[in-house]
PDB file of N, CA and C in Angstrom:
ATOM      1  N   UNK A   1     101.029  16.801 -46.272  1.00  0.00           N
ATOM      2  CA  UNK A   1      99.641  16.381 -46.327  1.00  0.00           C
ATOM      3  C   UNK A   1      98.881  17.309 -47.264  1.00  0.00           C
ATOM      4  N   UNK A   2      97.903  16.783 -47.888  1.00  0.00           N
ATOM      5  CA  UNK A   2      97.048  17.539 -48.784  1.00  0.00           C
ATOM      6  C   UNK A   2      95.604  17.271 -48.383  1.00  0.00           C
ATOM      7  N   UNK A   3      94.842  18.334 -48.184  1.00  0.00           N
ATOM      8  CA  UNK A   3      93.438  18.217 -47.826  1.00  0.00           C
ATOM      9  C   UNK A   3      92.599  18.901 -48.889  1.00  0.00           C
ATOM     10  N   UNK A   4      91.417  18.399 -49.112  1.00  0.00           N
ATOM     11  CA  UNK A   4      90.516  18.998 -50.097  1.00  0.00           C
ATOM     12  C   UNK A   4      89.097  18.980 -49.553  1.00  0.00           C
ATOM     13  N   UNK A   5      88.395  20.082 -49.748  1.00  0.00           N
ATOM     14  CA  UNK A   5      86.958  20.138 -49.496  1.00  0.00           C
ATOM     15  C   UNK A   5      86.285  20.095 -50.848  1.00  0.00           C
ATOM     16  N   UNK A   6      85.451  19.129 -51.044  1.00  0.00           N
ATOM     17  CA  UNK A   6      84.778  19.003 -52.328  1.00  0.00           C
ATOM     18  C   UNK A   6      83.276  18.904 -52.105  1.00  0.00           C
ATOM     19  N   UNK A   7      82.539  19.202 -53.128  1.00  0.00           N
ATOM     20  CA  UNK A   7      81.094  19.071 -53.049  1.00  0.00           C
ATOM     21  C   UNK A   7      80.432  19.919 -54.110  1.00  0.00           C
ATOM     22  N   UNK A   8      79.148  19.754 -54.207  1.00  0.00           N
ATOM     23  CA  UNK A   8      78.362  20.488 -55.183  1.00  0.00           C
ATOM     24  C   UNK A   8      78.310  21.967 -54.808  1.00  0.00           C
ATOM     25  N   UNK A   9      77.926  22.788 -55.767  1.00  0.00           N
ATOM     26  CA  UNK A   9      77.752  24.213 -55.497  1.00  0.00           C
ATOM     27  C   UNK A   9      76.666  24.414 -54.442  1.00  0.00           C
ATOM     28  N   UNK A  10      76.917  25.380 -53.549  1.00  0.00           N
ATOM     29  CA  UNK A  10      75.906  25.755 -52.574  1.00  0.00           C
ATOM     30  C   UNK A  10      75.880  24.935 -51.302  1.00  0.00           C
ATOM     31  N   UNK A  11      76.856  24.051 -51.080  1.00  0.00           N
ATOM     32  CA  UNK A  11      76.826  23.234 -49.865  1.00  0.00           C
ATOM     33  C   UNK A  11      77.609  23.841 -48.709  1.00  0.00           C
ATOM     34  N   UNK A  12      78.340  24.950 -48.937  1.00  0.00           N
ATOM     35  CA  UNK A  12      78.999  25.649 -47.842  1.00  0.00           C
ATOM     36  C   UNK A  12      80.512  25.608 -47.809  1.00  0.00           C
ATOM     37  N   UNK A  13      81.150  25.157 -48.871  1.00  0.00           N
ATOM     38  CA  UNK A  13      82.613  25.097 -48.890  1.00  0.00           C
ATOM     39  C   UNK A  13      83.230  26.479 -48.674  1.00  0.00           C
ATOM     40  N   UNK A  14      82.767  27.463 -49.406  1.00  0.00           N
ATOM     41  CA  UNK A  14      83.302  28.824 -49.270  1.00  0.00           C
ATOM     42  C   UNK A  14      82.969  29.420 -47.917  1.00  0.00           C
ATOM     43  N   UNK A  15      81.827  29.095 -47.363  1.00  0.00           N
ATOM     44  CA  UNK A  15      81.439  29.596 -46.041  1.00  0.00           C
ATOM     45  C   UNK A  15      82.397  29.097 -44.973  1.00  0.00           C
ATOM     46  N   UNK A  16      82.787  27.841 -45.058  1.00  0.00           N
ATOM     47  CA  UNK A  16      83.744  27.293 -44.087  1.00  0.00           C
ATOM     48  C   UNK A  16      85.043  28.088 -44.124  1.00  0.00           C
ATOM     49  N   UNK A  17      85.552  28.369 -45.310  1.00  0.00           N
ATOM     50  CA  UNK A  17      86.810  29.105 -45.401  1.00  0.00           C
ATOM     51  C   UNK A  17      86.655  30.558 -44.977  1.00  0.00           C
ATOM     52  N   UNK A  18      85.526  31.164 -45.239  1.00  0.00           N
ATOM     53  CA  UNK A  18      85.288  32.541 -44.794  1.00  0.00           C
ATOM     54  C   UNK A  18      85.263  32.610 -43.271  1.00  0.00           C
ATOM     55  N   UNK A  19      84.672  31.627 -42.624  1.00  0.00           N
ATOM     56  CA  UNK A  19      84.664  31.587 -41.156  1.00  0.00           C
ATOM     57  C   UNK A  19      86.076  31.355 -40.632  1.00  0.00           C
ATOM     58  N   UNK A  20      86.798  30.420 -41.207  1.00  0.00           N
ATOM     59  CA  UNK A  20      88.167  30.150 -40.766  1.00  0.00           C
ATOM     60  C   UNK A  20      89.086  31.345 -40.998  1.00  0.00           C
ATOM     61  N   UNK A  21      88.757  32.193 -41.965  1.00  0.00           N
ATOM     62  CA  UNK A  21      89.562  33.392 -42.216  1.00  0.00           C
ATOM     63  C   UNK A  21      89.629  34.277 -40.985  1.00  0.00           C
ATOM     64  N   UNK A  22      88.627  34.212 -40.113  1.00  0.00           N
ATOM     65  CA  UNK A  22      88.606  35.022 -38.886  1.00  0.00           C
ATOM     66  C   UNK A  22      89.848  34.769 -38.037  1.00  0.00           C
ATOM     67  N   UNK A  23      90.391  33.588 -38.117  1.00  0.00           N
ATOM     68  CA  UNK A  23      91.557  33.254 -37.305  1.00  0.00           C
ATOM     69  C   UNK A  23      92.819  33.986 -37.736  1.00  0.00           C
ATOM     70  N   UNK A  24      92.891  34.429 -38.989  1.00  0.00           N
ATOM     71  CA  UNK A  24      94.072  35.153 -39.465  1.00  0.00           C
ATOM     72  C   UNK A  24      93.749  36.567 -39.928  1.00  0.00           C
ATOM     73  N   UNK A  25      92.482  36.881 -40.083  1.00  0.00           N
ATOM     74  CA  UNK A  25      92.062  38.197 -40.553  1.00  0.00           C
ATOM     75  C   UNK A  25      90.980  38.710 -39.599  1.00  0.00           C
ATOM     76  N   UNK A  26      91.338  39.672 -38.774  1.00  0.00           N
ATOM     77  CA  UNK A  26      90.483  40.143 -37.686  1.00  0.00           C
ATOM     78  C   UNK A  26      89.080  40.548 -38.138  1.00  0.00           C
ATOM     79  N   UNK A  27      88.934  41.169 -39.290  1.00  0.00           N
ATOM     80  CA  UNK A  27      87.645  41.686 -39.728  1.00  0.00           C
ATOM     81  C   UNK A  27      86.819  40.748 -40.589  1.00  0.00           C
ATOM     82  N   UNK A  28      87.181  39.472 -40.663  1.00  0.00           N
ATOM     83  CA  UNK A  28      86.523  38.546 -41.593  1.00  0.00           C
ATOM     84  C   UNK A  28      85.024  38.409 -41.338  1.00  0.00           C
ATOM     85  N   UNK A  29      84.612  38.237 -40.101  1.00  0.00           N
ATOM     86  CA  UNK A  29      83.183  38.050 -39.837  1.00  0.00           C
ATOM     87  C   UNK A  29      82.389  39.285 -40.224  1.00  0.00           C
ATOM     88  N   UNK A  30      82.934  40.451 -39.887  1.00  0.00           N
ATOM     89  CA  UNK A  30      82.243  41.697 -40.218  1.00  0.00           C
ATOM     90  C   UNK A  30      82.163  41.899 -41.735  1.00  0.00           C
ATOM     91  N   UNK A  31      83.227  41.516 -42.438  1.00  0.00           N
ATOM     92  CA  UNK A  31      83.257  41.727 -43.880  1.00  0.00           C
ATOM     93  C   UNK A  31      82.391  40.729 -44.637  1.00  0.00           C
ATOM     94  N   UNK A  32      82.526  39.447 -44.316  1.00  0.00           N
ATOM     95  CA  UNK A  32      81.877  38.414 -45.117  1.00  0.00           C
ATOM     96  C   UNK A  32      80.484  38.038 -44.636  1.00  0.00           C
ATOM     97  N   UNK A  33      80.162  38.344 -43.382  1.00  0.00           N
ATOM     98  CA  UNK A  33      78.869  37.943 -42.836  1.00  0.00           C
ATOM     99  C   UNK A  33      78.118  39.124 -42.235  1.00  0.00           C
ATOM    100  N   UNK A  34      78.350  40.298 -42.749  1.00  0.00           N
ATOM    101  CA  UNK A  34      77.686  41.505 -42.260  1.00  0.00           C
ATOM    102  C   UNK A  34      76.164  41.386 -42.339  1.00  0.00           C
ATOM    103  N   UNK A  35      75.662  40.858 -43.436  1.00  0.00           N
ATOM    104  CA  UNK A  35      74.219  40.772 -43.653  1.00  0.00           C
ATOM    105  C   UNK A  35      73.683  39.351 -43.530  1.00  0.00           C
ATOM    106  N   UNK A  36      74.499  38.445 -43.044  1.00  0.00           N
ATOM    107  CA  UNK A  36      74.091  37.046 -42.921  1.00  0.00           C
ATOM    108  C   UNK A  36      73.843  36.705 -41.464  1.00  0.00           C
ATOM    109  N   UNK A  37      72.932  35.788 -41.232  1.00  0.00           N
ATOM    110  CA  UNK A  37      72.664  35.303 -39.890  1.00  0.00           C
ATOM    111  C   UNK A  37      71.664  36.172 -39.151  1.00  0.00           C
ATOM    112  N   UNK A  38      71.284  35.699 -37.975  1.00  0.00           N
ATOM    113  CA  UNK A  38      70.375  36.443 -37.107  1.00  0.00           C
ATOM    114  C   UNK A  38      70.904  36.355 -35.674  1.00  0.00           C
ATOM    115  N   UNK A  39      70.113  36.774 -34.712  1.00  0.00           N
ATOM    116  CA  UNK A  39      70.574  36.823 -33.321  1.00  0.00           C
ATOM    117  C   UNK A  39      70.880  35.450 -32.726  1.00  0.00           C
ATOM    118  N   UNK A  40      70.478  34.381 -33.396  1.00  0.00           N
ATOM    119  CA  UNK A  40      70.786  33.042 -32.889  1.00  0.00           C
ATOM    120  C   UNK A  40      72.056  32.470 -33.516  1.00  0.00           C
ATOM    121  N   UNK A  41      72.693  33.220 -34.436  1.00  0.00           N
ATOM    122  CA  UNK A  41      73.885  32.735 -35.123  1.00  0.00           C
ATOM    123  C   UNK A  41      75.100  32.851 -34.210  1.00  0.00           C
ATOM    124  N   UNK A  42      75.816  31.737 -34.059  1.00  0.00           N
ATOM    125  CA  UNK A  42      77.005  31.688 -33.203  1.00  0.00           C
ATOM    126  C   UNK A  42      78.098  30.921 -33.947  1.00  0.00           C
ATOM    127  N   UNK A  43      79.328  31.370 -33.766  1.00  0.00           N
ATOM    128  CA  UNK A  43      80.495  30.668 -34.300  1.00  0.00           C
ATOM    129  C   UNK A  43      81.462  30.494 -33.147  1.00  0.00           C
ATOM    130  N   UNK A  44      81.910  29.266 -32.918  1.00  0.00           N
ATOM    131  CA  UNK A  44      82.835  28.985 -31.824  1.00  0.00           C
ATOM    132  C   UNK A  44      84.109  28.378 -32.391  1.00  0.00           C
ATOM    133  N   UNK A  45      85.250  28.939 -31.982  1.00  0.00           N
ATOM    134  CA  UNK A  45      86.565  28.405 -32.320  1.00  0.00           C
ATOM    135  C   UNK A  45      87.168  27.839 -31.039  1.00  0.00           C
ATOM    136  N   UNK A  46      87.774  26.668 -31.120  1.00  0.00           N
ATOM    137  CA  UNK A  46      88.512  26.090 -29.999  1.00  0.00           C
ATOM    138  C   UNK A  46      89.878  25.693 -30.524  1.00  0.00           C
ATOM    139  N   UNK A  47      90.922  26.310 -29.960  1.00  0.00           N
ATOM    140  CA  UNK A  47      92.293  26.020 -30.367  1.00  0.00           C
ATOM    141  C   UNK A  47      93.128  25.868 -29.102  1.00  0.00           C
ATOM    142  N   UNK A  48      93.755  24.709 -28.946  1.00  0.00           N
ATOM    143  CA  UNK A  48      94.622  24.437 -27.786  1.00  0.00           C
ATOM    144  C   UNK A  48      93.916  24.737 -26.464  1.00  0.00           C
ATOM    145  N   UNK A  49      92.660  24.371 -26.351  1.00  0.00           N
ATOM    146  CA  UNK A  49      91.912  24.563 -25.114  1.00  0.00           C
ATOM    147  C   UNK A  49      91.354  25.961 -24.917  1.00  0.00           C
ATOM    148  N   UNK A  50      91.723  26.914 -25.750  1.00  0.00           N
ATOM    149  CA  UNK A  50      91.191  28.274 -25.678  1.00  0.00           C
ATOM    150  C   UNK A  50      89.960  28.336 -26.577  1.00  0.00           C
ATOM    151  N   UNK A  51      88.875  28.935 -26.074  1.00  0.00           N
ATOM    152  CA  UNK A  51      87.622  28.972 -26.817  1.00  0.00           C
ATOM    153  C   UNK A  51      87.139  30.405 -26.993  1.00  0.00           C
ATOM    154  N   UNK A  52      86.780  30.751 -28.208  1.00  0.00           N
ATOM    155  CA  UNK A  52      86.154  32.048 -28.518  1.00  0.00           C
ATOM    156  C   UNK A  52      84.830  31.774 -29.192  1.00  0.00           C
ATOM    157  N   UNK A  53      83.781  32.417 -28.713  1.00  0.00           N
ATOM    158  CA  UNK A  53      82.474  32.324 -29.342  1.00  0.00           C
ATOM    159  C   UNK A  53      82.063  33.704 -29.811  1.00  0.00           C
ATOM    160  N   UNK A  54      81.680  33.791 -31.065  1.00  0.00           N
ATOM    161  CA  UNK A  54      81.216  35.032 -31.680  1.00  0.00           C
ATOM    162  C   UNK A  54      79.719  34.914 -31.904  1.00  0.00           C
ATOM    163  N   UNK A  55      78.987  35.972 -31.558  1.00  0.00           N
ATOM    164  CA  UNK A  55      77.532  35.984 -31.650  1.00  0.00           C
ATOM    165  C   UNK A  55      77.118  37.127 -32.561  1.00  0.00           C
ATOM    166  N   UNK A  56      76.157  36.841 -33.422  1.00  0.00           N
ATOM    167  CA  UNK A  56      75.638  37.873 -34.324  1.00  0.00           C
ATOM    168  C   UNK A  56      74.500  38.595 -33.614  1.00  0.00           C
ATOM    169  N   UNK A  57      74.677  39.880 -33.370  1.00  0.00           N
ATOM    170  CA  UNK A  57      73.566  40.723 -32.933  1.00  0.00           C
ATOM    171  C   UNK A  57      73.427  41.748 -34.047  1.00  0.00           C
ATOM    172  N   UNK A  58      73.440  43.016 -33.767  1.00  0.00           N
ATOM    173  CA  UNK A  58      73.487  43.979 -34.875  1.00  0.00           C
ATOM    174  C   UNK A  58      74.814  43.843 -35.601  1.00  0.00           C
ATOM    175  N   UNK A  59      75.869  43.657 -34.845  1.00  0.00           N
ATOM    176  CA  UNK A  59      77.200  43.374 -35.375  1.00  0.00           C
ATOM    177  C   UNK A  59      77.719  42.139 -34.660  1.00  0.00           C
ATOM    178  N   UNK A  60      78.790  41.560 -35.148  1.00  0.00           N
ATOM    179  CA  UNK A  60      79.400  40.419 -34.470  1.00  0.00           C
ATOM    180  C   UNK A  60      80.063  40.900 -33.194  1.00  0.00           C
ATOM    181  N   UNK A  61      79.896  40.150 -32.110  1.00  0.00           N
ATOM    182  CA  UNK A  61      80.572  40.455 -30.859  1.00  0.00           C
ATOM    183  C   UNK A  61      81.046  39.148 -30.238  1.00  0.00           C
ATOM    184  N   UNK A  62      82.137  39.254 -29.512  1.00  0.00           N
ATOM    185  CA  UNK A  62      82.692  38.066 -28.883  1.00  0.00           C
ATOM    186  C   UNK A  62      82.167  37.940 -27.468  1.00  0.00           C
ATOM    187  N   UNK A  63      81.754  36.757 -27.088  1.00  0.00           N
ATOM    188  CA  UNK A  63      81.371  36.491 -25.714  1.00  0.00           C
ATOM    189  C   UNK A  63      82.636  36.281 -24.895  1.00  0.00           C
ATOM    190  N   UNK A  64      82.564  36.541 -23.613  1.00  0.00           N
ATOM    191  CA  UNK A  64      83.646  36.225 -22.678  1.00  0.00           C
ATOM    192  C   UNK A  64      84.963  36.899 -23.036  1.00  0.00           C
ATOM    193  N   UNK A  65      84.973  38.215 -22.982  1.00  0.00           N
ATOM    194  CA  UNK A  65      86.187  38.963 -23.322  1.00  0.00           C
ATOM    195  C   UNK A  65      87.339  38.723 -22.348  1.00  0.00           C
ATOM    196  N   UNK A  66      87.057  38.087 -21.231  1.00  0.00           N
ATOM    197  CA  UNK A  66      88.141  37.799 -20.296  1.00  0.00           C
ATOM    198  C   UNK A  66      89.078  36.714 -20.832  1.00  0.00           C
ATOM    199  N   UNK A  67      88.654  36.003 -21.844  1.00  0.00           N
ATOM    200  CA  UNK A  67      89.499  34.988 -22.477  1.00  0.00           C
ATOM    201  C   UNK A  67      90.329  35.636 -23.574  1.00  0.00           C
ATOM    202  N   UNK A  68      91.487  35.041 -23.836  1.00  0.00           N
ATOM    203  CA  UNK A  68      92.343  35.555 -24.903  1.00  0.00           C
ATOM    204  C   UNK A  68      91.682  35.361 -26.257  1.00  0.00           C
ATOM    205  N   UNK A  69      91.905  36.327 -27.146  1.00  0.00           N
ATOM    206  CA  UNK A  69      91.405  36.209 -28.516  1.00  0.00           C
ATOM    207  C   UNK A  69      92.262  35.200 -29.259  1.00  0.00           C
ATOM    208  N   UNK A  70      91.626  34.301 -29.967  1.00  0.00           N
ATOM    209  CA  UNK A  70      92.350  33.306 -30.747  1.00  0.00           C
ATOM    210  C   UNK A  70      92.708  33.913 -32.095  1.00  0.00           C
ATOM    211  N   UNK A  71      93.981  33.895 -32.409  1.00  0.00           N
ATOM    212  CA  UNK A  71      94.416  34.288 -33.748  1.00  0.00           C
ATOM    213  C   UNK A  71      95.630  33.448 -34.096  1.00  0.00           C
ATOM    214  N   UNK A  72      95.781  33.167 -35.355  1.00  0.00           N
ATOM    215  CA  UNK A  72      96.888  32.353 -35.838  1.00  0.00           C
ATOM    216  C   UNK A  72      97.748  33.176 -36.764  1.00  0.00           C
ATOM    217  N   UNK A  73      99.044  32.922 -36.747  1.00  0.00           N
ATOM    218  CA  UNK A  73      99.931  33.575 -37.696  1.00  0.00           C
ATOM    219  C   UNK A  73      99.667  32.969 -39.065  1.00  0.00           C
ATOM    220  N   UNK A  74      99.428  33.793 -40.009  1.00  0.00           N
ATOM    221  CA  UNK A  74      99.159  33.303 -41.351  1.00  0.00           C
ATOM    222  C   UNK A  74      98.788  34.460 -42.252  1.00  0.00           C
ATOM    223  N   UNK A  75      98.411  34.128 -43.437  1.00  0.00           N
ATOM    224  CA  UNK A  75      98.004  35.147 -44.391  1.00  0.00           C
ATOM    225  C   UNK A  75      96.615  34.841 -44.877  1.00  0.00           C
ATOM    226  N   UNK A  76      95.936  35.863 -45.321  1.00  0.00           N
ATOM    227  CA  UNK A  76      94.612  35.701 -45.898  1.00  0.00           C
ATOM    228  C   UNK A  76      94.595  36.416 -47.217  1.00  0.00           C
ATOM    229  N   UNK A  77      94.087  35.774 -48.211  1.00  0.00           N
ATOM    230  CA  UNK A  77      94.058  36.362 -49.545  1.00  0.00           C
ATOM    231  C   UNK A  77      92.643  36.580 -50.003  1.00  0.00           C
TER     232      UNK A  77
END
C-alpha cells in the first residue's frame, strides 16, 4: 500500500508527522513542540485500545501514568 498526505504549504502535513514521531522517538514532543501550544493543547494516541494523552503545561506531560506508554518499533529520521 502507498499513502500520501498532500496539500498546500502551511496546512499541517509536517505537524502530523512530527506528532506521530512521538510513537517511535520518545523526545519528539519536547523537541518539535517545545515552544508551541498552550495549557489547553492535548495530543491523544490510541493504539490497540491503549490510550495515552499528552498535555502541554510548562513541558509536555502524560496524563494517567498508570497506563502503559504507547511506543512502536520503528525508526525516526
